[in-house]
């Protein structure tokens, strides 16, 4: 199944290569990966 994995990864990566991403779009992804709430500390917001 290793080779199937390679094929699936290559297809998914190719789709990402063909898709445009702007800086605001990337910011949306980053905020979902490392969410910060209004009530969080100033240090956490600064780290963000």
ModelCIF file with pLDDT and N, C-alpha, C, O atoms, coordinates in Angstrom:
data_MODEL
#
_entry.id   MODEL 
#
_entity.id                         1 
_entity.type                       polymer 
_entity.pdbx_number_of_molecules   1 
#
_entity_poly.entity_id                      1 
_entity_poly.type                           'polypeptide(L)' 
_entity_poly.nstd_linkage                   no 
_entity_poly.nstd_monomer                   no 
_entity_poly.pdbx_seq_one_letter_code       
;(UNK)(UNK)(UNK)(UNK)(UNK)(UNK)(UNK)(UNK)(UNK)(UNK)(UNK)(UNK)(UNK)(UNK)(UNK)(UNK)
(UNK)(UNK)(UNK)(UNK)(UNK)(UNK)(UNK)(UNK)(UNK)(UNK)(UNK)(UNK)(UNK)(UNK)(UNK)(UNK)
(UNK)(UNK)(UNK)(UNK)(UNK)(UNK)(UNK)(UNK)(UNK)(UNK)(UNK)(UNK)(UNK)(UNK)(UNK)(UNK)
;
_entity_poly.pdbx_seq_one_letter_code_can   XXXXXXXXXXXXXXXXXXXXXXXXXXXXXXXXXXXXXXXXXXXXXXXX 
_entity_poly.pdbx_strand_id                 A 
#
loop_
_entity_poly_seq.entity_id 
_entity_poly_seq.num 
_entity_poly_seq.mon_id 
_entity_poly_seq.hetero 
1 1  UNK n 
1 2  UNK n 
1 3  UNK n 
1 4  UNK n 
1 5  UNK n 
1 6  UNK n 
1 7  UNK n 
1 8  UNK n 
1 9  UNK n 
1 10 UNK n 
1 11 UNK n 
1 12 UNK n 
1 13 UNK n 
1 14 UNK n 
1 15 UNK n 
1 16 UNK n 
1 17 UNK n 
1 18 UNK n 
1 19 UNK n 
1 20 UNK n 
1 21 UNK n 
1 22 UNK n 
1 23 UNK n 
1 24 UNK n 
1 25 UNK n 
1 26 UNK n 
1 27 UNK n 
1 28 UNK n 
1 29 UNK n 
1 30 UNK n 
1 31 UNK n 
1 32 UNK n 
1 33 UNK n 
1 34 UNK n 
1 35 UNK n 
1 36 UNK n 
1 37 UNK n 
1 38 UNK n 
1 39 UNK n 
1 40 UNK n 
1 41 UNK n 
1 42 UNK n 
1 43 UNK n 
1 44 UNK n 
1 45 UNK n 
1 46 UNK n 
1 47 UNK n 
1 48 UNK n 
#
_struct_asym.id          A 
_struct_asym.entity_id   1 
#
loop_
_ma_qa_metric.id 
_ma_qa_metric.mode 
_ma_qa_metric.name 
_ma_qa_metric.software_group_id 
_ma_qa_metric.type 
1 global pLDDT . pLDDT 
2 local  pLDDT . pLDDT 
#
_ma_qa_metric_global.metric_id      1 
_ma_qa_metric_global.metric_value   85.15 
_ma_qa_metric_global.model_id       1 
_ma_qa_metric_global.ordinal_id     1 
#
loop_
_ma_qa_metric_local.label_asym_id 
_ma_qa_metric_local.label_comp_id 
_ma_qa_metric_local.label_seq_id 
_ma_qa_metric_local.metric_id 
_ma_qa_metric_local.metric_value 
_ma_qa_metric_local.model_id 
_ma_qa_metric_local.ordinal_id 
A UNK 1  2 51.00 1 1  
A UNK 2  2 57.00 1 2  
A UNK 3  2 60.00 1 3  
A UNK 4  2 62.00 1 4  
A UNK 5  2 62.00 1 5  
A UNK 6  2 64.00 1 6  
A UNK 7  2 70.00 1 7  
A UNK 8  2 72.00 1 8  
A UNK 9  2 72.00 1 9  
A UNK 10 2 74.00 1 10 
A UNK 11 2 80.00 1 11 
A UNK 12 2 82.00 1 12 
A UNK 13 2 81.00 1 13 
A UNK 14 2 83.00 1 14 
A UNK 15 2 88.00 1 15 
A UNK 16 2 88.00 1 16 
A UNK 17 2 87.00 1 17 
A UNK 18 2 89.00 1 18 
A UNK 19 2 92.00 1 19 
A UNK 20 2 93.00 1 20 
A UNK 21 2 94.00 1 21 
A UNK 22 2 95.00 1 22 
A UNK 23 2 95.00 1 23 
A UNK 24 2 95.00 1 24 
A UNK 25 2 95.00 1 25 
A UNK 26 2 95.00 1 26 
A UNK 27 2 95.00 1 27 
A UNK 28 2 94.00 1 28 
A UNK 29 2 94.00 1 29 
A UNK 30 2 94.00 1 30 
A UNK 31 2 94.00 1 31 
A UNK 32 2 93.00 1 32 
A UNK 33 2 92.00 1 33 
A UNK 34 2 92.00 1 34 
A UNK 35 2 92.00 1 35 
A UNK 36 2 90.00 1 36 
A UNK 37 2 89.00 1 37 
A UNK 38 2 88.00 1 38 
A UNK 39 2 90.00 1 39 
A UNK 40 2 88.00 1 40 
A UNK 41 2 92.00 1 41 
A UNK 42 2 91.00 1 42 
A UNK 43 2 90.00 1 43 
A UNK 44 2 90.00 1 44 
A UNK 45 2 90.00 1 45 
A UNK 46 2 92.00 1 46 
A UNK 47 2 90.00 1 47 
A UNK 48 2 91.00 1 48 
#
loop_
_atom_site.group_PDB 
_atom_site.id 
_atom_site.type_symbol 
_atom_site.label_atom_id 
_atom_site.label_alt_id 
_atom_site.label_comp_id 
_atom_site.label_asym_id 
_atom_site.label_entity_id 
_atom_site.label_seq_id 
_atom_site.pdbx_PDB_ins_code 
_atom_site.Cartn_x 
_atom_site.Cartn_y 
_atom_site.Cartn_z 
_atom_site.occupancy 
_atom_site.B_iso_or_equiv 
_atom_site.pdbx_formal_charge 
_atom_site.auth_seq_id 
_atom_site.auth_comp_id 
_atom_site.auth_asym_id 
_atom_site.auth_atom_id 
_atom_site.pdbx_PDB_model_num 
ATOM 1   N N  . UNK A 1 1  ? 0.817   -1.208 0.000  1.00 51.00 ? 1  UNK A N  1 
ATOM 2   C CA . UNK A 1 1  ? 0.000   0.000  0.000  1.00 51.00 ? 1  UNK A CA 1 
ATOM 3   C C  . UNK A 1 1  ? 0.853   1.261  0.000  1.00 51.00 ? 1  UNK A C  1 
ATOM 4   O O  . UNK A 1 1  ? 0.350   2.360  -0.234 1.00 51.00 ? 1  UNK A O  1 
ATOM 5   N N  . UNK A 1 2  ? 2.140   1.099  0.262  1.00 57.00 ? 2  UNK A N  1 
ATOM 6   C CA . UNK A 1 2  ? 3.043   2.243  0.233  1.00 57.00 ? 2  UNK A CA 1 
ATOM 7   C C  . UNK A 1 2  ? 2.932   3.003  -1.082 1.00 57.00 ? 2  UNK A C  1 
ATOM 8   O O  . UNK A 1 2  ? 2.905   4.233  -1.092 1.00 57.00 ? 2  UNK A O  1 
ATOM 9   N N  . UNK A 1 3  ? 2.867   2.283  -2.168 1.00 60.00 ? 3  UNK A N  1 
ATOM 10  C CA . UNK A 1 3  ? 2.872   2.926  -3.464 1.00 60.00 ? 3  UNK A CA 1 
ATOM 11  C C  . UNK A 1 3  ? 1.531   3.587  -3.745 1.00 60.00 ? 3  UNK A C  1 
ATOM 12  O O  . UNK A 1 3  ? 1.474   4.607  -4.431 1.00 60.00 ? 3  UNK A O  1 
ATOM 13  N N  . UNK A 1 4  ? 0.449   3.013  -3.218 1.00 62.00 ? 4  UNK A N  1 
ATOM 14  C CA . UNK A 1 4  ? -0.840  3.683  -3.306 1.00 62.00 ? 4  UNK A CA 1 
ATOM 15  C C  . UNK A 1 4  ? -0.803  4.987  -2.526 1.00 62.00 ? 4  UNK A C  1 
ATOM 16  O O  . UNK A 1 4  ? -1.341  6.003  -2.967 1.00 62.00 ? 4  UNK A O  1 
ATOM 17  N N  . UNK A 1 5  ? -0.160  4.950  -1.357 1.00 62.00 ? 5  UNK A N  1 
ATOM 18  C CA . UNK A 1 5  ? -0.013  6.160  -0.550 1.00 62.00 ? 5  UNK A CA 1 
ATOM 19  C C  . UNK A 1 5  ? 0.728   7.226  -1.340 1.00 62.00 ? 5  UNK A C  1 
ATOM 20  O O  . UNK A 1 5  ? 0.334   8.392  -1.346 1.00 62.00 ? 5  UNK A O  1 
ATOM 21  N N  . UNK A 1 6  ? 1.803   6.821  -2.005 1.00 64.00 ? 6  UNK A N  1 
ATOM 22  C CA . UNK A 1 6  ? 2.569   7.772  -2.794 1.00 64.00 ? 6  UNK A CA 1 
ATOM 23  C C  . UNK A 1 6  ? 1.719   8.370  -3.904 1.00 64.00 ? 6  UNK A C  1 
ATOM 24  O O  . UNK A 1 6  ? 1.777   9.573  -4.157 1.00 64.00 ? 6  UNK A O  1 
ATOM 25  N N  . UNK A 1 7  ? 0.931   7.531  -4.565 1.00 70.00 ? 7  UNK A N  1 
ATOM 26  C CA . UNK A 1 7  ? 0.073   8.012  -5.644 1.00 70.00 ? 7  UNK A CA 1 
ATOM 27  C C  . UNK A 1 7  ? -0.976  8.987  -5.119 1.00 70.00 ? 7  UNK A C  1 
ATOM 28  O O  . UNK A 1 7  ? -1.236  10.017 -5.741 1.00 70.00 ? 7  UNK A O  1 
ATOM 29  N N  . UNK A 1 8  ? -1.584  8.660  -3.966 1.00 72.00 ? 8  UNK A N  1 
ATOM 30  C CA . UNK A 1 8  ? -2.611  9.532  -3.402 1.00 72.00 ? 8  UNK A CA 1 
ATOM 31  C C  . UNK A 1 8  ? -2.004  10.863 -2.958 1.00 72.00 ? 8  UNK A C  1 
ATOM 32  O O  . UNK A 1 8  ? -2.598  11.922 -3.161 1.00 72.00 ? 8  UNK A O  1 
ATOM 33  N N  . UNK A 1 9  ? -0.824  10.800 -2.355 1.00 72.00 ? 9  UNK A N  1 
ATOM 34  C CA . UNK A 1 9  ? -0.160  12.026 -1.922 1.00 72.00 ? 9  UNK A CA 1 
ATOM 35  C C  . UNK A 1 9  ? 0.185   12.899 -3.117 1.00 72.00 ? 9  UNK A C  1 
ATOM 36  O O  . UNK A 1 9  ? -0.002  14.115 -3.087 1.00 72.00 ? 9  UNK A O  1 
ATOM 37  N N  . UNK A 1 10 ? 0.689   12.267 -4.167 1.00 74.00 ? 10 UNK A N  1 
ATOM 38  C CA . UNK A 1 10 ? 1.066   13.025 -5.357 1.00 74.00 ? 10 UNK A CA 1 
ATOM 39  C C  . UNK A 1 10 ? -0.144  13.710 -5.978 1.00 74.00 ? 10 UNK A C  1 
ATOM 40  O O  . UNK A 1 10 ? -0.055  14.860 -6.409 1.00 74.00 ? 10 UNK A O  1 
ATOM 41  N N  . UNK A 1 11 ? -1.272  13.009 -6.025 1.00 80.00 ? 11 UNK A N  1 
ATOM 42  C CA . UNK A 1 11 ? -2.486  13.606 -6.582 1.00 80.00 ? 11 UNK A CA 1 
ATOM 43  C C  . UNK A 1 11 ? -2.962  14.784 -5.746 1.00 80.00 ? 11 UNK A C  1 
ATOM 44  O O  . UNK A 1 11 ? -3.327  15.831 -6.279 1.00 80.00 ? 11 UNK A O  1 
ATOM 45  N N  . UNK A 1 12 ? -2.953  14.598 -4.410 1.00 82.00 ? 12 UNK A N  1 
ATOM 46  C CA . UNK A 1 12 ? -3.402  15.675 -3.524 1.00 82.00 ? 12 UNK A CA 1 
ATOM 47  C C  . UNK A 1 12 ? -2.463  16.874 -3.612 1.00 82.00 ? 12 UNK A C  1 
ATOM 48  O O  . UNK A 1 12 ? -2.913  18.019 -3.648 1.00 82.00 ? 12 UNK A O  1 
ATOM 49  N N  . UNK A 1 13 ? -1.159  16.611 -3.645 1.00 81.00 ? 13 UNK A N  1 
ATOM 50  C CA . UNK A 1 13 ? -0.192  17.696 -3.742 1.00 81.00 ? 13 UNK A CA 1 
ATOM 51  C C  . UNK A 1 13 ? -0.332  18.436 -5.070 1.00 81.00 ? 13 UNK A C  1 
ATOM 52  O O  . UNK A 1 13 ? -0.200  19.659 -5.120 1.00 81.00 ? 13 UNK A O  1 
ATOM 53  N N  . UNK A 1 14 ? -0.598  17.694 -6.142 1.00 83.00 ? 14 UNK A N  1 
ATOM 54  C CA . UNK A 1 14 ? -0.778  18.328 -7.440 1.00 83.00 ? 14 UNK A CA 1 
ATOM 55  C C  . UNK A 1 14 ? -2.009  19.235 -7.437 1.00 83.00 ? 14 UNK A C  1 
ATOM 56  O O  . UNK A 1 14 ? -1.996  20.311 -8.034 1.00 83.00 ? 14 UNK A O  1 
ATOM 57  N N  . UNK A 1 15 ? -3.079  18.790 -6.756 1.00 88.00 ? 15 UNK A N  1 
ATOM 58  C CA . UNK A 1 15 ? -4.267  19.636 -6.657 1.00 88.00 ? 15 UNK A CA 1 
ATOM 59  C C  . UNK A 1 15 ? -3.943  20.927 -5.909 1.00 88.00 ? 15 UNK A C  1 
ATOM 60  O O  . UNK A 1 15 ? -4.419  22.001 -6.277 1.00 88.00 ? 15 UNK A O  1 
ATOM 61  N N  . UNK A 1 16 ? -3.128  20.816 -4.851 1.00 88.00 ? 16 UNK A N  1 
ATOM 62  C CA . UNK A 1 16 ? -2.737  22.019 -4.118 1.00 88.00 ? 16 UNK A CA 1 
ATOM 63  C C  . UNK A 1 16 ? -1.861  22.924 -4.977 1.00 88.00 ? 16 UNK A C  1 
ATOM 64  O O  . UNK A 1 16 ? -1.961  24.148 -4.892 1.00 88.00 ? 16 UNK A O  1 
ATOM 65  N N  . UNK A 1 17 ? -1.008  22.332 -5.797 1.00 87.00 ? 17 UNK A N  1 
ATOM 66  C CA . UNK A 1 17 ? -0.144  23.122 -6.667 1.00 87.00 ? 17 UNK A CA 1 
ATOM 67  C C  . UNK A 1 17 ? -0.963  23.872 -7.713 1.00 87.00 ? 17 UNK A C  1 
ATOM 68  O O  . UNK A 1 17 ? -0.603  24.981 -8.109 1.00 87.00 ? 17 UNK A O  1 
ATOM 69  N N  . UNK A 1 18 ? -2.052  23.275 -8.154 1.00 89.00 ? 18 UNK A N  1 
ATOM 70  C CA . UNK A 1 18 ? -2.901  23.893 -9.173 1.00 89.00 ? 18 UNK A CA 1 
ATOM 71  C C  . UNK A 1 18 ? -3.855  24.933 -8.595 1.00 89.00 ? 18 UNK A C  1 
ATOM 72  O O  . UNK A 1 18 ? -4.451  25.709 -9.341 1.00 89.00 ? 18 UNK A O  1 
ATOM 73  N N  . UNK A 1 19 ? -4.004  24.954 -7.258 1.00 92.00 ? 19 UNK A N  1 
ATOM 74  C CA . UNK A 1 19 ? -4.959  25.858 -6.620 1.00 92.00 ? 19 UNK A CA 1 
ATOM 75  C C  . UNK A 1 19 ? -4.258  27.132 -6.156 1.00 92.00 ? 19 UNK A C  1 
ATOM 76  O O  . UNK A 1 19 ? -3.190  27.075 -5.548 1.00 92.00 ? 19 UNK A O  1 
ATOM 77  N N  . UNK A 1 20 ? -4.865  28.275 -6.446 1.00 93.00 ? 20 UNK A N  1 
ATOM 78  C CA . UNK A 1 20 ? -4.309  29.545 -5.997 1.00 93.00 ? 20 UNK A CA 1 
ATOM 79  C C  . UNK A 1 20 ? -4.550  29.724 -4.502 1.00 93.00 ? 20 UNK A C  1 
ATOM 80  O O  . UNK A 1 20 ? -5.594  29.326 -3.984 1.00 93.00 ? 20 UNK A O  1 
ATOM 81  N N  . UNK A 1 21 ? -3.582  30.323 -3.810 1.00 94.00 ? 21 UNK A N  1 
ATOM 82  C CA . UNK A 1 21 ? -3.756  30.701 -2.409 1.00 94.00 ? 21 UNK A CA 1 
ATOM 83  C C  . UNK A 1 21 ? -3.212  32.105 -2.210 1.00 94.00 ? 21 UNK A C  1 
ATOM 84  O O  . UNK A 1 21 ? -2.064  32.392 -2.547 1.00 94.00 ? 21 UNK A O  1 
ATOM 85  N N  . UNK A 1 22 ? -4.044  32.972 -1.661 1.00 95.00 ? 22 UNK A N  1 
ATOM 86  C CA . UNK A 1 22 ? -3.623  34.329 -1.345 1.00 95.00 ? 22 UNK A CA 1 
ATOM 87  C C  . UNK A 1 22 ? -3.164  34.394 0.109  1.00 95.00 ? 22 UNK A C  1 
ATOM 88  O O  . UNK A 1 22 ? -3.391  33.466 0.885  1.00 95.00 ? 22 UNK A O  1 
ATOM 89  N N  . UNK A 1 23 ? -2.520  35.498 0.466  1.00 95.00 ? 23 UNK A N  1 
ATOM 90  C CA . UNK A 1 23 ? -2.089  35.667 1.846  1.00 95.00 ? 23 UNK A CA 1 
ATOM 91  C C  . UNK A 1 23 ? -3.264  35.662 2.818  1.00 95.00 ? 23 UNK A C  1 
ATOM 92  O O  . UNK A 1 23 ? -3.156  35.022 3.863  1.00 95.00 ? 23 UNK A O  1 
ATOM 93  N N  . UNK A 1 24 ? -4.389  36.342 2.536  1.00 95.00 ? 24 UNK A N  1 
ATOM 94  C CA . UNK A 1 24 ? -5.538  36.248 3.446  1.00 95.00 ? 24 UNK A CA 1 
ATOM 95  C C  . UNK A 1 24 ? -6.088  34.830 3.581  1.00 95.00 ? 24 UNK A C  1 
ATOM 96  O O  . UNK A 1 24 ? -6.541  34.446 4.659  1.00 95.00 ? 24 UNK A O  1 
ATOM 97  N N  . UNK A 1 25 ? -6.055  34.055 2.511  1.00 95.00 ? 25 UNK A N  1 
ATOM 98  C CA . UNK A 1 25 ? -6.518  32.668 2.587  1.00 95.00 ? 25 UNK A CA 1 
ATOM 99  C C  . UNK A 1 25 ? -5.620  31.858 3.512  1.00 95.00 ? 25 UNK A C  1 
ATOM 100 O O  . UNK A 1 25 ? -6.100  31.046 4.303  1.00 95.00 ? 25 UNK A O  1 
ATOM 101 N N  . UNK A 1 26 ? -4.309  32.084 3.406  1.00 95.00 ? 26 UNK A N  1 
ATOM 102 C CA . UNK A 1 26 ? -3.377  31.379 4.288  1.00 95.00 ? 26 UNK A CA 1 
ATOM 103 C C  . UNK A 1 26 ? -3.607  31.806 5.743  1.00 95.00 ? 26 UNK A C  1 
ATOM 104 O O  . UNK A 1 26 ? -3.534  30.974 6.647  1.00 95.00 ? 26 UNK A O  1 
ATOM 105 N N  . UNK A 1 27 ? -3.881  33.086 5.972  1.00 95.00 ? 27 UNK A N  1 
ATOM 106 C CA . UNK A 1 27 ? -4.131  33.563 7.338  1.00 95.00 ? 27 UNK A CA 1 
ATOM 107 C C  . UNK A 1 27 ? -5.329  32.848 7.954  1.00 95.00 ? 27 UNK A C  1 
ATOM 108 O O  . UNK A 1 27 ? -5.317  32.533 9.144  1.00 95.00 ? 27 UNK A O  1 
ATOM 109 N N  . UNK A 1 28 ? -6.356  32.590 7.158  1.00 94.00 ? 28 UNK A N  1 
ATOM 110 C CA . UNK A 1 28 ? -7.528  31.865 7.660  1.00 94.00 ? 28 UNK A CA 1 
ATOM 111 C C  . UNK A 1 28 ? -7.149  30.473 8.143  1.00 94.00 ? 28 UNK A C  1 
ATOM 112 O O  . UNK A 1 28 ? -7.628  30.021 9.183  1.00 94.00 ? 28 UNK A O  1 
ATOM 113 N N  . UNK A 1 29 ? -6.283  29.787 7.383  1.00 94.00 ? 29 UNK A N  1 
ATOM 114 C CA . UNK A 1 29 ? -5.841  28.447 7.770  1.00 94.00 ? 29 UNK A CA 1 
ATOM 115 C C  . UNK A 1 29 ? -5.009  28.507 9.044  1.00 94.00 ? 29 UNK A C  1 
ATOM 116 O O  . UNK A 1 29 ? -5.216  27.705 9.955  1.00 94.00 ? 29 UNK A O  1 
ATOM 117 N N  . UNK A 1 30 ? -4.079  29.441 9.120  1.00 94.00 ? 30 UNK A N  1 
ATOM 118 C CA . UNK A 1 30 ? -3.210  29.568 10.294 1.00 94.00 ? 30 UNK A CA 1 
ATOM 119 C C  . UNK A 1 30 ? -4.038  29.861 11.546 1.00 94.00 ? 30 UNK A C  1 
ATOM 120 O O  . UNK A 1 30 ? -3.756  29.317 12.614 1.00 94.00 ? 30 UNK A O  1 
ATOM 121 N N  . UNK A 1 31 ? -5.053  30.710 11.424 1.00 94.00 ? 31 UNK A N  1 
ATOM 122 C CA . UNK A 1 31 ? -5.895  31.033 12.581 1.00 94.00 ? 31 UNK A CA 1 
ATOM 123 C C  . UNK A 1 31 ? -6.692  29.817 13.046 1.00 94.00 ? 31 UNK A C  1 
ATOM 124 O O  . UNK A 1 31 ? -6.990  29.693 14.234 1.00 94.00 ? 31 UNK A O  1 
ATOM 125 N N  . UNK A 1 32 ? -7.037  28.925 12.128 1.00 93.00 ? 32 UNK A N  1 
ATOM 126 C CA . UNK A 1 32 ? -7.745  27.701 12.515 1.00 93.00 ? 32 UNK A CA 1 
ATOM 127 C C  . UNK A 1 32 ? -6.804  26.709 13.188 1.00 93.00 ? 32 UNK A C  1 
ATOM 128 O O  . UNK A 1 32 ? -7.211  25.969 14.083 1.00 93.00 ? 32 UNK A O  1 
ATOM 129 N N  . UNK A 1 33 ? -5.557  26.696 12.759 1.00 92.00 ? 33 UNK A N  1 
ATOM 130 C CA . UNK A 1 33 ? -4.576  25.775 13.352 1.00 92.00 ? 33 UNK A CA 1 
ATOM 131 C C  . UNK A 1 33 ? -4.164  26.213 14.753 1.00 92.00 ? 33 UNK A C  1 
ATOM 132 O O  . UNK A 1 33 ? -3.975  25.383 15.642 1.00 92.00 ? 33 UNK A O  1 
ATOM 133 N N  . UNK A 1 34 ? -4.028  27.525 14.942 1.00 92.00 ? 34 UNK A N  1 
ATOM 134 C CA . UNK A 1 34 ? -3.609  28.069 16.232 1.00 92.00 ? 34 UNK A CA 1 
ATOM 135 C C  . UNK A 1 34 ? -4.617  29.140 16.666 1.00 92.00 ? 34 UNK A C  1 
ATOM 136 O O  . UNK A 1 34 ? -4.290  30.327 16.636 1.00 92.00 ? 34 UNK A O  1 
ATOM 137 N N  . UNK A 1 35 ? -5.815  28.756 17.064 1.00 92.00 ? 35 UNK A N  1 
ATOM 138 C CA . UNK A 1 35 ? -6.851  29.739 17.394 1.00 92.00 ? 35 UNK A CA 1 
ATOM 139 C C  . UNK A 1 35 ? -6.523  30.527 18.659 1.00 92.00 ? 35 UNK A C  1 
ATOM 140 O O  . UNK A 1 35 ? -5.926  30.004 19.600 1.00 92.00 ? 35 UNK A O  1 
ATOM 141 N N  . UNK A 1 36 ? -6.924  31.782 18.660 1.00 90.00 ? 36 UNK A N  1 
ATOM 142 C CA . UNK A 1 36 ? -6.763  32.656 19.816 1.00 90.00 ? 36 UNK A CA 1 
ATOM 143 C C  . UNK A 1 36 ? -8.095  33.363 20.060 1.00 90.00 ? 36 UNK A C  1 
ATOM 144 O O  . UNK A 1 36 ? -8.668  33.941 19.136 1.00 90.00 ? 36 UNK A O  1 
ATOM 145 N N  . UNK A 1 37 ? -8.590  33.322 21.293 1.00 89.00 ? 37 UNK A N  1 
ATOM 146 C CA . UNK A 1 37 ? -9.858  33.952 21.649 1.00 89.00 ? 37 UNK A CA 1 
ATOM 147 C C  . UNK A 1 37 ? -9.606  35.341 22.225 1.00 89.00 ? 37 UNK A C  1 
ATOM 148 O O  . UNK A 1 37 ? -8.492  35.657 22.645 1.00 89.00 ? 37 UNK A O  1 
ATOM 149 N N  . UNK A 1 38 ? -10.650 36.168 22.240 1.00 88.00 ? 38 UNK A N  1 
ATOM 150 C CA . UNK A 1 38 ? -10.533 37.529 22.768 1.00 88.00 ? 38 UNK A CA 1 
ATOM 151 C C  . UNK A 1 38 ? -10.085 37.529 24.225 1.00 88.00 ? 38 UNK A C  1 
ATOM 152 O O  . UNK A 1 38 ? -9.378  38.432 24.672 1.00 88.00 ? 38 UNK A O  1 
ATOM 153 N N  . UNK A 1 39 ? -10.515 36.482 24.967 1.00 90.00 ? 39 UNK A N  1 
ATOM 154 C CA . UNK A 1 39 ? -10.202 36.422 26.396 1.00 90.00 ? 39 UNK A CA 1 
ATOM 155 C C  . UNK A 1 39 ? -8.807  35.882 26.686 1.00 90.00 ? 39 UNK A C  1 
ATOM 156 O O  . UNK A 1 39 ? -8.391  35.855 27.844 1.00 90.00 ? 39 UNK A O  1 
ATOM 157 N N  . UNK A 1 40 ? -8.083  35.455 25.667 1.00 88.00 ? 40 UNK A N  1 
ATOM 158 C CA . UNK A 1 40 ? -6.756  34.889 25.892 1.00 88.00 ? 40 UNK A CA 1 
ATOM 159 C C  . UNK A 1 40 ? -5.770  35.978 26.311 1.00 88.00 ? 40 UNK A C  1 
ATOM 160 O O  . UNK A 1 40 ? -6.014  37.168 26.116 1.00 88.00 ? 40 UNK A O  1 
ATOM 161 N N  . UNK A 1 41 ? -4.662  35.548 26.886 1.00 92.00 ? 41 UNK A N  1 
ATOM 162 C CA . UNK A 1 41 ? -3.663  36.476 27.414 1.00 92.00 ? 41 UNK A CA 1 
ATOM 163 C C  . UNK A 1 41 ? -2.998  37.269 26.295 1.00 92.00 ? 41 UNK A C  1 
ATOM 164 O O  . UNK A 1 41 ? -2.984  36.859 25.134 1.00 92.00 ? 41 UNK A O  1 
ATOM 165 N N  . UNK A 1 42 ? -2.453  38.408 26.680 1.00 91.00 ? 42 UNK A N  1 
ATOM 166 C CA . UNK A 1 42 ? -1.740  39.238 25.711 1.00 91.00 ? 42 UNK A CA 1 
ATOM 167 C C  . UNK A 1 42 ? -0.516  38.512 25.160 1.00 91.00 ? 42 UNK A C  1 
ATOM 168 O O  . UNK A 1 42 ? -0.133  38.709 24.007 1.00 91.00 ? 42 UNK A O  1 
ATOM 169 N N  . UNK A 1 43 ? 0.089   37.677 25.987 1.00 90.00 ? 43 UNK A N  1 
ATOM 170 C CA . UNK A 1 43 ? 1.254   36.914 25.519 1.00 90.00 ? 43 UNK A CA 1 
ATOM 171 C C  . UNK A 1 43 ? 0.860   35.942 24.405 1.00 90.00 ? 43 UNK A C  1 
ATOM 172 O O  . UNK A 1 43 ? 1.566   35.818 23.405 1.00 90.00 ? 43 UNK A O  1 
ATOM 173 N N  . UNK A 1 44 ? -0.269  35.255 24.583 1.00 90.00 ? 44 UNK A N  1 
ATOM 174 C CA . UNK A 1 44 ? -0.717  34.320 23.560 1.00 90.00 ? 44 UNK A CA 1 
ATOM 175 C C  . UNK A 1 44 ? -1.041  35.057 22.272 1.00 90.00 ? 44 UNK A C  1 
ATOM 176 O O  . UNK A 1 44 ? -0.755  34.560 21.183 1.00 90.00 ? 44 UNK A O  1 
ATOM 177 N N  . UNK A 1 45 ? -1.641  36.245 22.388 1.00 90.00 ? 45 UNK A N  1 
ATOM 178 C CA . UNK A 1 45 ? -1.957  37.033 21.206 1.00 90.00 ? 45 UNK A CA 1 
ATOM 179 C C  . UNK A 1 45 ? -0.679  37.521 20.525 1.00 90.00 ? 45 UNK A C  1 
ATOM 180 O O  . UNK A 1 45 ? -0.597  37.561 19.297 1.00 90.00 ? 45 UNK A O  1 
ATOM 181 N N  . UNK A 1 46 ? 0.317   37.891 21.334 1.00 92.00 ? 46 UNK A N  1 
ATOM 182 C CA . UNK A 1 46 ? 1.587   38.321 20.763 1.00 92.00 ? 46 UNK A CA 1 
ATOM 183 C C  . UNK A 1 46 ? 2.283   37.169 20.040 1.00 92.00 ? 46 UNK A C  1 
ATOM 184 O O  . UNK A 1 46 ? 2.863   37.358 18.971 1.00 92.00 ? 46 UNK A O  1 
ATOM 185 N N  . UNK A 1 47 ? 2.221   35.973 20.634 1.00 90.00 ? 47 UNK A N  1 
ATOM 186 C CA . UNK A 1 47 ? 2.804   34.786 19.983 1.00 90.00 ? 47 UNK A CA 1 
ATOM 187 C C  . UNK A 1 47 ? 2.105   34.491 18.669 1.00 90.00 ? 47 UNK A C  1 
ATOM 188 O O  . UNK A 1 47 ? 2.739   34.093 17.692 1.00 90.00 ? 47 UNK A O  1 
ATOM 189 N N  . UNK A 1 48 ? 0.788   34.689 18.653 1.00 91.00 ? 48 UNK A N  1 
ATOM 190 C CA . UNK A 1 48 ? 0.029   34.460 17.425 1.00 91.00 ? 48 UNK A CA 1 
ATOM 191 C C  . UNK A 1 48 ? 0.517   35.380 16.301 1.00 91.00 ? 48 UNK A C  1 
ATOM 192 O O  . UNK A 1 48 ? -0.008  35.327 15.189 1.00 91.00 ? 48 UNK A O  1 
#
